[in-house]
Amino acid sequence: MKALEFVLILIGVLLNAGAQLALKAGVRNIGHFEFSAANALPIGWQLATNPYIITGLSCYVISVVVWIMALSRVEVSVAYPMLSIGYVVNAILAWQLFGEALSTQRVAGIGIIIVGVYLIARS
């Protein structure tokens, strides 16, 4: 895999991971809510105007463009497994930013993912 191809994949993955973290920050800001007809407009408005939600959705849009660029250069059987890097990034940042659990079992799983991504990138 060429450096530009890896960079495109990595940017796409990091934007996707950033989108997840921003969306989580947005819903943490809004709080738990139930889906119902009565609160569809108020909650919908809160979601639509929340800066974290807007940032997350923007990251998704940009990540799709970058991902399409990556797929034009790399086989999908190589590129798609690289999305697993996002699991690693999200687990670590969710632990740091939101205090989510990072158990021994999760750390072991992250290690397996890293080894798998390395093997795929080298193939």
PDB file of N, CA and C in Angstrom:
ATOM      1  N   MET A   1       0.851  -1.169   0.000  1.00  0.00           N
ATOM      2  CA  MET A   1       0.000   0.000   0.000  1.00  0.00           C
ATOM      3  C   MET A   1       0.899   1.235   0.000  1.00  0.00           C
ATOM      4  N   LYS A   2       0.605   2.157  -0.881  1.00  0.00           N
ATOM      5  CA  LYS A   2       1.374   3.389  -0.978  1.00  0.00           C
ATOM      6  C   LYS A   2       1.014   4.327   0.175  1.00  0.00           C
ATOM      7  N   ALA A   3       1.913   5.255   0.454  1.00  0.00           N
ATOM      8  CA  ALA A   3       1.717   6.195   1.568  1.00  0.00           C
ATOM      9  C   ALA A   3       0.438   7.009   1.391  1.00  0.00           C
ATOM     10  N   LEU A   4       0.176   7.532   0.196  1.00  0.00           N
ATOM     11  CA  LEU A   4      -1.027   8.341  -0.035  1.00  0.00           C
ATOM     12  C   LEU A   4      -2.289   7.520   0.207  1.00  0.00           C
ATOM     13  N   GLU A   5      -2.275   6.278  -0.224  1.00  0.00           N
ATOM     14  CA  GLU A   5      -3.436   5.412  -0.020  1.00  0.00           C
ATOM     15  C   GLU A   5      -3.697   5.200   1.470  1.00  0.00           C
ATOM     16  N   PHE A   6      -2.632   4.929   2.210  1.00  0.00           N
ATOM     17  CA  PHE A   6      -2.783   4.722   3.651  1.00  0.00           C
ATOM     18  C   PHE A   6      -3.255   5.997   4.336  1.00  0.00           C
ATOM     19  N   VAL A   7      -2.728   7.139   3.918  1.00  0.00           N
ATOM     20  CA  VAL A   7      -3.132   8.420   4.511  1.00  0.00           C
ATOM     21  C   VAL A   7      -4.613   8.686   4.245  1.00  0.00           C
ATOM     22  N   LEU A   8      -5.073   8.441   3.030  1.00  0.00           N
ATOM     23  CA  LEU A   8      -6.493   8.637   2.719  1.00  0.00           C
ATOM     24  C   LEU A   8      -7.368   7.737   3.585  1.00  0.00           C
ATOM     25  N   ILE A   9      -6.977   6.476   3.703  1.00  0.00           N
ATOM     26  CA  ILE A   9      -7.745   5.547   4.538  1.00  0.00           C
ATOM     27  C   ILE A   9      -7.740   6.020   5.981  1.00  0.00           C
ATOM     28  N   LEU A  10      -6.577   6.407   6.475  1.00  0.00           N
ATOM     29  CA  LEU A  10      -6.464   6.843   7.861  1.00  0.00           C
ATOM     30  C   LEU A  10      -7.288   8.104   8.126  1.00  0.00           C
ATOM     31  N   ILE A  11      -7.257   9.058   7.213  1.00  0.00           N
ATOM     32  CA  ILE A  11      -8.060  10.277   7.377  1.00  0.00           C
ATOM     33  C   ILE A  11      -9.542   9.927   7.395  1.00  0.00           C
ATOM     34  N   GLY A  12      -9.961   9.054   6.476  1.00  0.00           N
ATOM     35  CA  GLY A  12     -11.365   8.642   6.449  1.00  0.00           C
ATOM     36  C   GLY A  12     -11.777   7.965   7.741  1.00  0.00           C
ATOM     37  N   VAL A  13     -10.931   7.095   8.241  1.00  0.00           N
ATOM     38  CA  VAL A  13     -11.226   6.376   9.489  1.00  0.00           C
ATOM     39  C   VAL A  13     -11.268   7.341  10.668  1.00  0.00           C
ATOM     40  N   LEU A  14     -10.308   8.251  10.744  1.00  0.00           N
ATOM     41  CA  LEU A  14     -10.272   9.200  11.863  1.00  0.00           C
ATOM     42  C   LEU A  14     -11.449  10.174  11.824  1.00  0.00           C
ATOM     43  N   LEU A  15     -11.845  10.586  10.631  1.00  0.00           N
ATOM     44  CA  LEU A  15     -13.041  11.430  10.522  1.00  0.00           C
ATOM     45  C   LEU A  15     -14.284  10.675  10.978  1.00  0.00           C
ATOM     46  N   ASN A  16     -14.377   9.409  10.608  1.00  0.00           N
ATOM     47  CA  ASN A  16     -15.503   8.587  11.024  1.00  0.00           C
ATOM     48  C   ASN A  16     -15.509   8.413  12.545  1.00  0.00           C
ATOM     49  N   ALA A  17     -14.335   8.156  13.120  1.00  0.00           N
ATOM     50  CA  ALA A  17     -14.229   8.015  14.571  1.00  0.00           C
ATOM     51  C   ALA A  17     -14.562   9.338  15.262  1.00  0.00           C
ATOM     52  N   GLY A  18     -14.065  10.426  14.699  1.00  0.00           N
ATOM     53  CA  GLY A  18     -14.376  11.744  15.254  1.00  0.00           C
ATOM     54  C   GLY A  18     -15.861  12.038  15.209  1.00  0.00           C
ATOM     55  N   ALA A  19     -16.517  11.589  14.148  1.00  0.00           N
ATOM     56  CA  ALA A  19     -17.966  11.775  14.031  1.00  0.00           C
ATOM     57  C   ALA A  19     -18.684  11.066  15.171  1.00  0.00           C
ATOM     58  N   GLN A  20     -18.281   9.830  15.442  1.00  0.00           N
ATOM     59  CA  GLN A  20     -18.914   9.076  16.541  1.00  0.00           C
ATOM     60  C   GLN A  20     -18.738   9.781  17.879  1.00  0.00           C
ATOM     61  N   LEU A  21     -17.530  10.265  18.124  1.00  0.00           N
ATOM     62  CA  LEU A  21     -17.253  10.937  19.398  1.00  0.00           C
ATOM     63  C   LEU A  21     -18.025  12.252  19.506  1.00  0.00           C
ATOM     64  N   ALA A  22     -18.115  12.986  18.411  1.00  0.00           N
ATOM     65  CA  ALA A  22     -18.869  14.240  18.425  1.00  0.00           C
ATOM     66  C   ALA A  22     -20.359  13.981  18.643  1.00  0.00           C
ATOM     67  N   LEU A  23     -20.891  12.951  17.985  1.00  0.00           N
ATOM     68  CA  LEU A  23     -22.304  12.613  18.182  1.00  0.00           C
ATOM     69  C   LEU A  23     -22.565  12.208  19.631  1.00  0.00           C
ATOM     70  N   LYS A  24     -21.652  11.442  20.214  1.00  0.00           N
ATOM     71  CA  LYS A  24     -21.798  11.048  21.621  1.00  0.00           C
ATOM     72  C   LYS A  24     -21.771  12.280  22.524  1.00  0.00           C
ATOM     73  N   ALA A  25     -20.861  13.205  22.258  1.00  0.00           N
ATOM     74  CA  ALA A  25     -20.804  14.437  23.048  1.00  0.00           C
ATOM     75  C   ALA A  25     -22.102  15.225  22.904  1.00  0.00           C
ATOM     76  N   GLY A  26     -22.659  15.225  21.699  1.00  0.00           N
ATOM     77  CA  GLY A  26     -23.920  15.938  21.471  1.00  0.00           C
ATOM     78  C   GLY A  26     -25.079  15.351  22.245  1.00  0.00           C
ATOM     79  N   VAL A  27     -25.211  14.037  22.230  1.00  0.00           N
ATOM     80  CA  VAL A  27     -26.338  13.439  22.946  1.00  0.00           C
ATOM     81  C   VAL A  27     -26.107  13.476  24.456  1.00  0.00           C
ATOM     82  N   ARG A  28     -24.859  13.468  24.885  1.00  0.00           N
ATOM     83  CA  ARG A  28     -24.589  13.663  26.327  1.00  0.00           C
ATOM     84  C   ARG A  28     -25.023  15.054  26.750  1.00  0.00           C
ATOM     85  N   ASN A  29     -24.820  16.008  25.862  1.00  0.00           N
ATOM     86  CA  ASN A  29     -25.209  17.390  26.124  1.00  0.00           C
ATOM     87  C   ASN A  29     -26.732  17.518  26.217  1.00  0.00           C
ATOM     88  N   ILE A  30     -27.428  16.826  25.354  1.00  0.00           N
ATOM     89  CA  ILE A  30     -28.894  16.872  25.326  1.00  0.00           C
ATOM     90  C   ILE A  30     -29.483  16.020  26.443  1.00  0.00           C
ATOM     91  N   GLY A  31     -28.901  14.875  26.683  1.00  0.00           N
ATOM     92  CA  GLY A  31     -29.411  13.976  27.715  1.00  0.00           C
ATOM     93  C   GLY A  31     -30.267  12.880  27.119  1.00  0.00           C
ATOM     94  N   HIS A  32     -30.638  11.931  27.978  1.00  0.00           N
ATOM     95  CA  HIS A  32     -31.461  10.799  27.550  1.00  0.00           C
ATOM     96  C   HIS A  32     -32.826  11.308  27.109  1.00  0.00           C
ATOM     97  N   PHE A  33     -33.331  10.766  26.016  1.00  0.00           N
ATOM     98  CA  PHE A  33     -34.661  11.150  25.547  1.00  0.00           C
ATOM     99  C   PHE A  33     -35.346   9.946  24.934  1.00  0.00           C
ATOM    100  N   GLU A  34     -36.648   9.978  24.952  1.00  0.00           N
ATOM    101  CA  GLU A  34     -37.465   8.919  24.368  1.00  0.00           C
ATOM    102  C   GLU A  34     -37.977   9.383  23.014  1.00  0.00           C
ATOM    103  N   PHE A  35     -38.078   8.428  22.089  1.00  0.00           N
ATOM    104  CA  PHE A  35     -38.670   8.735  20.794  1.00  0.00           C
ATOM    105  C   PHE A  35     -40.185   8.661  20.935  1.00  0.00           C
ATOM    106  N   SER A  36     -40.839   9.776  20.707  1.00  0.00           N
ATOM    107  CA  SER A  36     -42.301   9.803  20.715  1.00  0.00           C
ATOM    108  C   SER A  36     -42.757  10.966  19.849  1.00  0.00           C
ATOM    109  N   ALA A  37     -44.010  10.912  19.446  1.00  0.00           N
ATOM    110  CA  ALA A  37     -44.558  11.992  18.630  1.00  0.00           C
ATOM    111  C   ALA A  37     -44.544  13.311  19.393  1.00  0.00           C
ATOM    112  N   ALA A  38     -44.746  13.229  20.697  1.00  0.00           N
ATOM    113  CA  ALA A  38     -44.822  14.450  21.513  1.00  0.00           C
ATOM    114  C   ALA A  38     -43.495  15.203  21.572  1.00  0.00           C
ATOM    115  N   ASN A  39     -42.389  14.478  21.563  1.00  0.00           N
ATOM    116  CA  ASN A  39     -41.118  15.190  21.668  1.00  0.00           C
ATOM    117  C   ASN A  39     -40.307  15.177  20.369  1.00  0.00           C
ATOM    118  N   ALA A  40     -40.903  14.748  19.269  1.00  0.00           N
ATOM    119  CA  ALA A  40     -40.176  14.674  18.002  1.00  0.00           C
ATOM    120  C   ALA A  40     -39.640  16.042  17.577  1.00  0.00           C
ATOM    121  N   LEU A  41     -40.476  17.057  17.636  1.00  0.00           N
ATOM    122  CA  LEU A  41     -40.012  18.385  17.218  1.00  0.00           C
ATOM    123  C   LEU A  41     -39.029  19.005  18.208  1.00  0.00           C
ATOM    124  N   PRO A  42     -39.321  19.004  19.512  1.00  0.00           N
ATOM    125  CA  PRO A  42     -38.350  19.624  20.422  1.00  0.00           C
ATOM    126  C   PRO A  42     -36.993  18.913  20.426  1.00  0.00           C
ATOM    127  N   ILE A  43     -37.010  17.593  20.462  1.00  0.00           N
ATOM    128  CA  ILE A  43     -35.748  16.843  20.457  1.00  0.00           C
ATOM    129  C   ILE A  43     -35.081  16.962  19.092  1.00  0.00           C
ATOM    130  N   GLY A  44     -35.868  16.884  18.043  1.00  0.00           N
ATOM    131  CA  GLY A  44     -35.321  17.053  16.690  1.00  0.00           C
ATOM    132  C   GLY A  44     -34.628  18.397  16.537  1.00  0.00           C
ATOM    133  N   TRP A  45     -35.226  19.441  17.087  1.00  0.00           N
ATOM    134  CA  TRP A  45     -34.624  20.776  17.018  1.00  0.00           C
ATOM    135  C   TRP A  45     -33.330  20.825  17.832  1.00  0.00           C
ATOM    136  N   GLN A  46     -33.353  20.229  19.016  1.00  0.00           N
ATOM    137  CA  GLN A  46     -32.134  20.201  19.830  1.00  0.00           C
ATOM    138  C   GLN A  46     -31.007  19.465  19.111  1.00  0.00           C
ATOM    139  N   LEU A  47     -31.339  18.356  18.484  1.00  0.00           N
ATOM    140  CA  LEU A  47     -30.340  17.599  17.742  1.00  0.00           C
ATOM    141  C   LEU A  47     -29.826  18.391  16.534  1.00  0.00           C
ATOM    142  N   ALA A  48     -30.739  19.016  15.815  1.00  0.00           N
ATOM    143  CA  ALA A  48     -30.379  19.740  14.596  1.00  0.00           C
ATOM    144  C   ALA A  48     -29.555  20.991  14.872  1.00  0.00           C
ATOM    145  N   THR A  49     -29.660  21.540  16.062  1.00  0.00           N
ATOM    146  CA  THR A  49     -28.943  22.779  16.368  1.00  0.00           C
ATOM    147  C   THR A  49     -27.777  22.573  17.333  1.00  0.00           C
ATOM    148  N   ASN A  50     -27.540  21.356  17.745  1.00  0.00           N
ATOM    149  CA  ASN A  50     -26.444  21.084  18.666  1.00  0.00           C
ATOM    150  C   ASN A  50     -25.118  21.119  17.903  1.00  0.00           C
ATOM    151  N   PRO A  51     -24.163  21.937  18.349  1.00  0.00           N
ATOM    152  CA  PRO A  51     -22.890  22.048  17.621  1.00  0.00           C
ATOM    153  C   PRO A  51     -22.129  20.729  17.506  1.00  0.00           C
ATOM    154  N   TYR A  52     -22.205  19.888  18.533  1.00  0.00           N
ATOM    155  CA  TYR A  52     -21.524  18.588  18.472  1.00  0.00           C
ATOM    156  C   TYR A  52     -22.160  17.681  17.420  1.00  0.00           C
ATOM    157  N   ILE A  53     -23.473  17.688  17.358  1.00  0.00           N
ATOM    158  CA  ILE A  53     -24.180  16.873  16.369  1.00  0.00           C
ATOM    159  C   ILE A  53     -23.855  17.380  14.966  1.00  0.00           C
ATOM    160  N   ILE A  54     -23.868  18.674  14.774  1.00  0.00           N
ATOM    161  CA  ILE A  54     -23.539  19.265  13.468  1.00  0.00           C
ATOM    162  C   ILE A  54     -22.106  18.900  13.082  1.00  0.00           C
ATOM    163  N   THR A  55     -21.189  18.985  14.035  1.00  0.00           N
ATOM    164  CA  THR A  55     -19.795  18.617  13.776  1.00  0.00           C
ATOM    165  C   THR A  55     -19.681  17.143  13.401  1.00  0.00           C
ATOM    166  N   GLY A  56     -20.367  16.278  14.146  1.00  0.00           N
ATOM    167  CA  GLY A  56     -20.326  14.849  13.858  1.00  0.00           C
ATOM    168  C   GLY A  56     -20.847  14.529  12.468  1.00  0.00           C
ATOM    169  N   LEU A  57     -21.977  15.116  12.116  1.00  0.00           N
ATOM    170  CA  LEU A  57     -22.548  14.864  10.787  1.00  0.00           C
ATOM    171  C   LEU A  57     -21.643  15.417   9.690  1.00  0.00           C
ATOM    172  N   SER A  58     -21.019  16.556   9.942  1.00  0.00           N
ATOM    173  CA  SER A  58     -20.077  17.127   8.964  1.00  0.00           C
ATOM    174  C   SER A  58     -18.877  16.213   8.778  1.00  0.00           C
ATOM    175  N   CYS A  59     -18.382  15.657   9.880  1.00  0.00           N
ATOM    176  CA  CYS A  59     -17.261  14.706   9.779  1.00  0.00           C
ATOM    177  C   CYS A  59     -17.656  13.500   8.945  1.00  0.00           C
ATOM    178  N   TYR A  60     -18.883  13.021   9.109  1.00  0.00           N
ATOM    179  CA  TYR A  60     -19.350  11.888   8.306  1.00  0.00           C
ATOM    180  C   TYR A  60     -19.339  12.233   6.816  1.00  0.00           C
ATOM    181  N   VAL A  61     -19.851  13.399   6.469  1.00  0.00           N
ATOM    182  CA  VAL A  61     -19.915  13.793   5.061  1.00  0.00           C
ATOM    183  C   VAL A  61     -18.514  13.852   4.464  1.00  0.00           C
ATOM    184  N   ILE A  62     -17.601  14.505   5.174  1.00  0.00           N
ATOM    185  CA  ILE A  62     -16.229  14.622   4.674  1.00  0.00           C
ATOM    186  C   ILE A  62     -15.569  13.244   4.604  1.00  0.00           C
ATOM    187  N   SER A  63     -15.844  12.400   5.601  1.00  0.00           N
ATOM    188  CA  SER A  63     -15.229  11.071   5.605  1.00  0.00           C
ATOM    189  C   SER A  63     -15.693  10.245   4.406  1.00  0.00           C
ATOM    190  N   VAL A  64     -16.926  10.418   3.984  1.00  0.00           N
ATOM    191  CA  VAL A  64     -17.421   9.682   2.814  1.00  0.00           C
ATOM    192  C   VAL A  64     -16.663  10.120   1.562  1.00  0.00           C
ATOM    193  N   VAL A  65     -16.435  11.411   1.419  1.00  0.00           N
ATOM    194  CA  VAL A  65     -15.692  11.908   0.259  1.00  0.00           C
ATOM    195  C   VAL A  65     -14.271  11.350   0.263  1.00  0.00           C
ATOM    196  N   VAL A  66     -13.617  11.407   1.412  1.00  0.00           N
ATOM    197  CA  VAL A  66     -12.257  10.883   1.528  1.00  0.00           C
ATOM    198  C   VAL A  66     -12.246   9.378   1.284  1.00  0.00           C
ATOM    199  N   TRP A  67     -13.254   8.682   1.807  1.00  0.00           N
ATOM    200  CA  TRP A  67     -13.329   7.234   1.636  1.00  0.00           C
ATOM    201  C   TRP A  67     -13.491   6.862   0.169  1.00  0.00           C
ATOM    202  N   ILE A  68     -14.296   7.603  -0.560  1.00  0.00           N
ATOM    203  CA  ILE A  68     -14.458   7.356  -1.994  1.00  0.00           C
ATOM    204  C   ILE A  68     -13.128   7.541  -2.719  1.00  0.00           C
ATOM    205  N   MET A  69     -12.376   8.569  -2.324  1.00  0.00           N
ATOM    206  CA  MET A  69     -11.050   8.776  -2.915  1.00  0.00           C
ATOM    207  C   MET A  69     -10.146   7.578  -2.619  1.00  0.00           C
ATOM    208  N   ALA A  70     -10.211   7.082  -1.394  1.00  0.00           N
ATOM    209  CA  ALA A  70      -9.387   5.929  -1.013  1.00  0.00           C
ATOM    210  C   ALA A  70      -9.794   4.693  -1.811  1.00  0.00           C
ATOM    211  N   LEU A  71     -11.091   4.465  -1.927  1.00  0.00           N
ATOM    212  CA  LEU A  71     -11.565   3.281  -2.658  1.00  0.00           C
ATOM    213  C   LEU A  71     -11.221   3.330  -4.142  1.00  0.00           C
ATOM    214  N   SER A  72     -11.011   4.529  -4.670  1.00  0.00           N
ATOM    215  CA  SER A  72     -10.623   4.628  -6.081  1.00  0.00           C
ATOM    216  C   SER A  72      -9.177   4.188  -6.296  1.00  0.00           C
ATOM    217  N   ARG A  73      -8.440   4.036  -5.184  1.00  0.00           N
ATOM    218  CA  ARG A  73      -7.025   3.685  -5.274  1.00  0.00           C
ATOM    219  C   ARG A  73      -6.675   2.325  -4.659  1.00  0.00           C
ATOM    220  N   VAL A  74      -7.538   1.829  -3.767  1.00  0.00           N
ATOM    221  CA  VAL A  74      -7.214   0.634  -2.987  1.00  0.00           C
ATOM    222  C   VAL A  74      -8.352  -0.373  -3.128  1.00  0.00           C
ATOM    223  N   GLU A  75      -8.001  -1.640  -3.129  1.00  0.00           N
ATOM    224  CA  GLU A  75      -9.022  -2.683  -3.172  1.00  0.00           C
ATOM    225  C   GLU A  75      -9.876  -2.612  -1.903  1.00  0.00           C
ATOM    226  N   VAL A  76     -11.164  -2.816  -2.056  1.00  0.00           N
ATOM    227  CA  VAL A  76     -12.072  -2.751  -0.910  1.00  0.00           C
ATOM    228  C   VAL A  76     -11.730  -3.838   0.114  1.00  0.00           C
ATOM    229  N   SER A  77     -11.193  -4.955  -0.342  1.00  0.00           N
ATOM    230  CA  SER A  77     -10.826  -6.033   0.583  1.00  0.00           C
ATOM    231  C   SER A  77      -9.640  -5.643   1.464  1.00  0.00           C
ATOM    232  N   VAL A  78      -8.914  -4.616   1.075  1.00  0.00           N
ATOM    233  CA  VAL A  78      -7.832  -4.082   1.899  1.00  0.00           C
ATOM    234  C   VAL A  78      -8.325  -2.873   2.700  1.00  0.00           C
ATOM    235  N   ALA A  79      -9.056  -1.984   2.042  1.00  0.00           N
ATOM    236  CA  ALA A  79      -9.486  -0.743   2.677  1.00  0.00           C
ATOM    237  C   ALA A  79     -10.505  -0.974   3.798  1.00  0.00           C
ATOM    238  N   TYR A  80     -11.496  -1.788   3.534  1.00  0.00           N
ATOM    239  CA  TYR A  80     -12.587  -1.939   4.498  1.00  0.00           C
ATOM    240  C   TYR A  80     -12.128  -2.440   5.864  1.00  0.00           C
ATOM    241  N   PRO A  81     -11.270  -3.436   5.936  1.00  0.00           N
ATOM    242  CA  PRO A  81     -10.809  -3.876   7.255  1.00  0.00           C
ATOM    243  C   PRO A  81     -10.072  -2.785   8.033  1.00  0.00           C
ATOM    244  N   MET A  82      -9.546  -1.803   7.329  1.00  0.00           N
ATOM    245  CA  MET A  82      -8.844  -0.710   8.006  1.00  0.00           C
ATOM    246  C   MET A  82      -9.789   0.131   8.864  1.00  0.00           C
ATOM    247  N   LEU A  83     -11.083   0.026   8.597  1.00  0.00           N
ATOM    248  CA  LEU A  83     -12.056   0.730   9.440  1.00  0.00           C
ATOM    249  C   LEU A  83     -11.945   0.292  10.899  1.00  0.00           C
ATOM    250  N   SER A  84     -11.358  -0.872  11.120  1.00  0.00           N
ATOM    251  CA  SER A  84     -11.184  -1.369  12.486  1.00  0.00           C
ATOM    252  C   SER A  84     -10.313  -0.448  13.328  1.00  0.00           C
ATOM    253  N   ILE A  85      -9.466   0.340  12.677  1.00  0.00           N
ATOM    254  CA  ILE A  85      -8.657   1.314  13.412  1.00  0.00           C
ATOM    255  C   ILE A  85      -9.570   2.254  14.191  1.00  0.00           C
ATOM    256  N   GLY A  86     -10.739   2.524  13.635  1.00  0.00           N
ATOM    257  CA  GLY A  86     -11.704   3.394  14.308  1.00  0.00           C
ATOM    258  C   GLY A  86     -12.139   2.839  15.656  1.00  0.00           C
ATOM    259  N   TYR A  87     -12.246   1.518  15.773  1.00  0.00           N
ATOM    260  CA  TYR A  87     -12.598   0.905  17.060  1.00  0.00           C
ATOM    261  C   TYR A  87     -11.535   1.214  18.105  1.00  0.00           C
ATOM    262  N   VAL A  88     -10.292   1.137  17.688  1.00  0.00           N
ATOM    263  CA  VAL A  88      -9.181   1.403  18.603  1.00  0.00           C
ATOM    264  C   VAL A  88      -9.216   2.861  19.056  1.00  0.00           C
ATOM    265  N   VAL A  89      -9.320   3.761  18.094  1.00  0.00           N
ATOM    266  CA  VAL A  89      -9.344   5.195  18.395  1.00  0.00           C
ATOM    267  C   VAL A  89     -10.532   5.530  19.289  1.00  0.00           C
ATOM    268  N   ASN A  90     -11.704   5.019  18.939  1.00  0.00           N
ATOM    269  CA  ASN A  90     -12.904   5.334  19.723  1.00  0.00           C
ATOM    270  C   ASN A  90     -12.841   4.771  21.137  1.00  0.00           C
ATOM    271  N   ALA A  91     -12.336   3.574  21.291  1.00  0.00           N
ATOM    272  CA  ALA A  91     -12.262   2.989  22.631  1.00  0.00           C
ATOM    273  C   ALA A  91     -11.350   3.815  23.528  1.00  0.00           C
ATOM    274  N   ILE A  92     -10.206   4.208  23.004  1.00  0.00           N
ATOM    275  CA  ILE A  92      -9.252   4.972  23.814  1.00  0.00           C
ATOM    276  C   ILE A  92      -9.778   6.365  24.107  1.00  0.00           C
ATOM    277  N   LEU A  93     -10.310   7.044  23.095  1.00  0.00           N
ATOM    278  CA  LEU A  93     -10.801   8.406  23.317  1.00  0.00           C
ATOM    279  C   LEU A  93     -12.084   8.434  24.154  1.00  0.00           C
ATOM    280  N   ALA A  94     -12.946   7.437  23.997  1.00  0.00           N
ATOM    281  CA  ALA A  94     -14.147   7.377  24.836  1.00  0.00           C
ATOM    282  C   ALA A  94     -13.768   7.169  26.298  1.00  0.00           C
ATOM    283  N   TRP A  95     -12.727   6.397  26.521  1.00  0.00           N
ATOM    284  CA  TRP A  95     -12.212   6.199  27.879  1.00  0.00           C
ATOM    285  C   TRP A  95     -11.693   7.512  28.443  1.00  0.00           C
ATOM    286  N   GLN A  96     -10.915   8.246  27.634  1.00  0.00           N
ATOM    287  CA  GLN A  96     -10.336   9.500  28.104  1.00  0.00           C
ATOM    288  C   GLN A  96     -11.365  10.621  28.219  1.00  0.00           C
ATOM    289  N   LEU A  97     -12.234  10.752  27.222  1.00  0.00           N
ATOM    290  CA  LEU A  97     -13.161  11.884  27.177  1.00  0.00           C
ATOM    291  C   LEU A  97     -14.429  11.678  27.996  1.00  0.00           C
ATOM    292  N   PHE A  98     -14.941  10.450  27.971  1.00  0.00           N
ATOM    293  CA  PHE A  98     -16.242  10.199  28.583  1.00  0.00           C
ATOM    294  C   PHE A  98     -16.184   9.282  29.794  1.00  0.00           C
ATOM    295  N   GLY A  99     -14.986   8.799  30.130  1.00  0.00           N
ATOM    296  CA  GLY A  99     -14.849   7.916  31.276  1.00  0.00           C
ATOM    297  C   GLY A  99     -15.435   6.534  31.052  1.00  0.00           C
ATOM    298  N   GLU A 100     -15.543   6.109  29.792  1.00  0.00           N
ATOM    299  CA  GLU A 100     -16.074   4.777  29.510  1.00  0.00           C
ATOM    300  C   GLU A 100     -15.056   3.717  29.905  1.00  0.00           C
ATOM    301  N   ALA A 101     -15.538   2.543  30.229  1.00  0.00           N
ATOM    302  CA  ALA A 101     -14.686   1.456  30.719  1.00  0.00           C
ATOM    303  C   ALA A 101     -13.733   0.966  29.629  1.00  0.00           C
ATOM    304  N   LEU A 102     -12.507   0.694  30.039  1.00  0.00           N
ATOM    305  CA  LEU A 102     -11.518   0.102  29.155  1.00  0.00           C
ATOM    306  C   LEU A 102     -10.908  -1.080  29.903  1.00  0.00           C
ATOM    307  N   SER A 103     -11.660  -2.170  29.908  1.00  0.00           N
ATOM    308  CA  SER A 103     -11.282  -3.359  30.675  1.00  0.00           C
ATOM    309  C   SER A 103     -10.121  -4.097  30.015  1.00  0.00           C
ATOM    310  N   THR A 104      -9.590  -5.051  30.725  1.00  0.00           N
ATOM    311  CA  THR A 104      -8.509  -5.892  30.201  1.00  0.00           C
ATOM    312  C   THR A 104      -8.967  -6.616  28.937  1.00  0.00           C
ATOM    313  N   GLN A 105     -10.192  -7.090  28.951  1.00  0.00           N
ATOM    314  CA  GLN A 105     -10.727  -7.795  27.787  1.00  0.00           C
ATOM    315  C   GLN A 105     -10.801  -6.864  26.574  1.00  0.00           C
ATOM    316  N   ARG A 106     -11.213  -5.618  26.772  1.00  0.00           N
ATOM    317  CA  ARG A 106     -11.266  -4.666  25.662  1.00  0.00           C
ATOM    318  C   ARG A 106      -9.869  -4.335  25.158  1.00  0.00           C
ATOM    319  N   VAL A 107      -8.933  -4.169  26.066  1.00  0.00           N
ATOM    320  CA  VAL A 107      -7.553  -3.889  25.672  1.00  0.00           C
ATOM    321  C   VAL A 107      -7.000  -5.059  24.849  1.00  0.00           C
ATOM    322  N   ALA A 108      -7.304  -6.286  25.258  1.00  0.00           N
ATOM    323  CA  ALA A 108      -6.865  -7.465  24.499  1.00  0.00           C
ATOM    324  C   ALA A 108      -7.487  -7.456  23.103  1.00  0.00           C
ATOM    325  N   GLY A 109      -8.757  -7.123  23.027  1.00  0.00           N
ATOM    326  CA  GLY A 109      -9.431  -7.033  21.730  1.00  0.00           C
ATOM    327  C   GLY A 109      -8.806  -5.962  20.846  1.00  0.00           C
ATOM    328  N   ILE A 110      -8.452  -4.833  21.447  1.00  0.00           N
ATOM    329  CA  ILE A 110      -7.788  -3.761  20.706  1.00  0.00           C
ATOM    330  C   ILE A 110      -6.446  -4.257  20.159  1.00  0.00           C
ATOM    331  N   GLY A 111      -5.725  -5.008  20.972  1.00  0.00           N
ATOM    332  CA  GLY A 111      -4.450  -5.570  20.518  1.00  0.00           C
ATOM    333  C   GLY A 111      -4.636  -6.489  19.320  1.00  0.00           C
ATOM    334  N   ILE A 112      -5.663  -7.309  19.365  1.00  0.00           N
ATOM    335  CA  ILE A 112      -5.957  -8.215  18.248  1.00  0.00           C
ATOM    336  C   ILE A 112      -6.298  -7.417  16.988  1.00  0.00           C
ATOM    337  N   ILE A 113      -7.069  -6.364  17.157  1.00  0.00           N
ATOM    338  CA  ILE A 113      -7.427  -5.516  16.012  1.00  0.00           C
ATOM    339  C   ILE A 113      -6.175  -4.900  15.396  1.00  0.00           C
ATOM    340  N   ILE A 114      -5.289  -4.393  16.241  1.00  0.00           N
ATOM    341  CA  ILE A 114      -4.061  -3.765  15.738  1.00  0.00           C
ATOM    342  C   ILE A 114      -3.225  -4.765  14.954  1.00  0.00           C
ATOM    343  N   VAL A 115      -3.094  -5.974  15.476  1.00  0.00           N
ATOM    344  CA  VAL A 115      -2.335  -7.016  14.770  1.00  0.00           C
ATOM    345  C   VAL A 115      -3.013  -7.331  13.438  1.00  0.00           C
ATOM    346  N   GLY A 116      -4.325  -7.459  13.437  1.00  0.00           N
ATOM    347  CA  GLY A 116      -5.057  -7.757  12.200  1.00  0.00           C
ATOM    348  C   GLY A 116      -4.909  -6.672  11.150  1.00  0.00           C
ATOM    349  N   VAL A 117      -5.008  -5.423  11.567  1.00  0.00           N
ATOM    350  CA  VAL A 117      -4.843  -4.306  10.629  1.00  0.00           C
ATOM    351  C   VAL A 117      -3.421  -4.302  10.060  1.00  0.00           C
ATOM    352  N   TYR A 118      -2.449  -4.566  10.916  1.00  0.00           N
ATOM    353  CA  TYR A 118      -1.064  -4.616  10.466  1.00  0.00           C
ATOM    354  C   TYR A 118      -0.878  -5.710   9.406  1.00  0.00           C
ATOM    355  N   LEU A 119      -1.430  -6.885   9.655  1.00  0.00           N
ATOM    356  CA  LEU A 119      -1.288  -7.992   8.704  1.00  0.00           C
ATOM    357  C   LEU A 119      -1.960  -7.673   7.370  1.00  0.00           C
ATOM    358  N   ILE A 120      -3.114  -7.049   7.417  1.00  0.00           N
ATOM    359  CA  ILE A 120      -3.821  -6.706   6.184  1.00  0.00           C
ATOM    360  C   ILE A 120      -3.057  -5.634   5.422  1.00  0.00           C
ATOM    361  N   ALA A 121      -2.539  -4.636   6.130  1.00  0.00           N
ATOM    362  CA  ALA A 121      -1.804  -3.557   5.469  1.00  0.00           C
ATOM    363  C   ALA A 121      -0.536  -4.074   4.798  1.00  0.00           C
ATOM    364  N   ARG A 122       0.058  -5.102   5.368  1.00  0.00           N
ATOM    365  CA  ARG A 122       1.298  -5.659   4.823  1.00  0.00           C
ATOM    366  C   ARG A 122       1.056  -6.608   3.643  1.00  0.00           C
ATOM    367  N   SER A 123      -0.187  -7.049   3.473  1.00  0.00           N
ATOM    368  CA  SER A 123      -0.467  -8.044   2.418  1.00  0.00           C
ATOM    369  C   SER A 123      -0.512  -7.412   1.038  1.00  0.00           C
TER     370      SER A 123
END
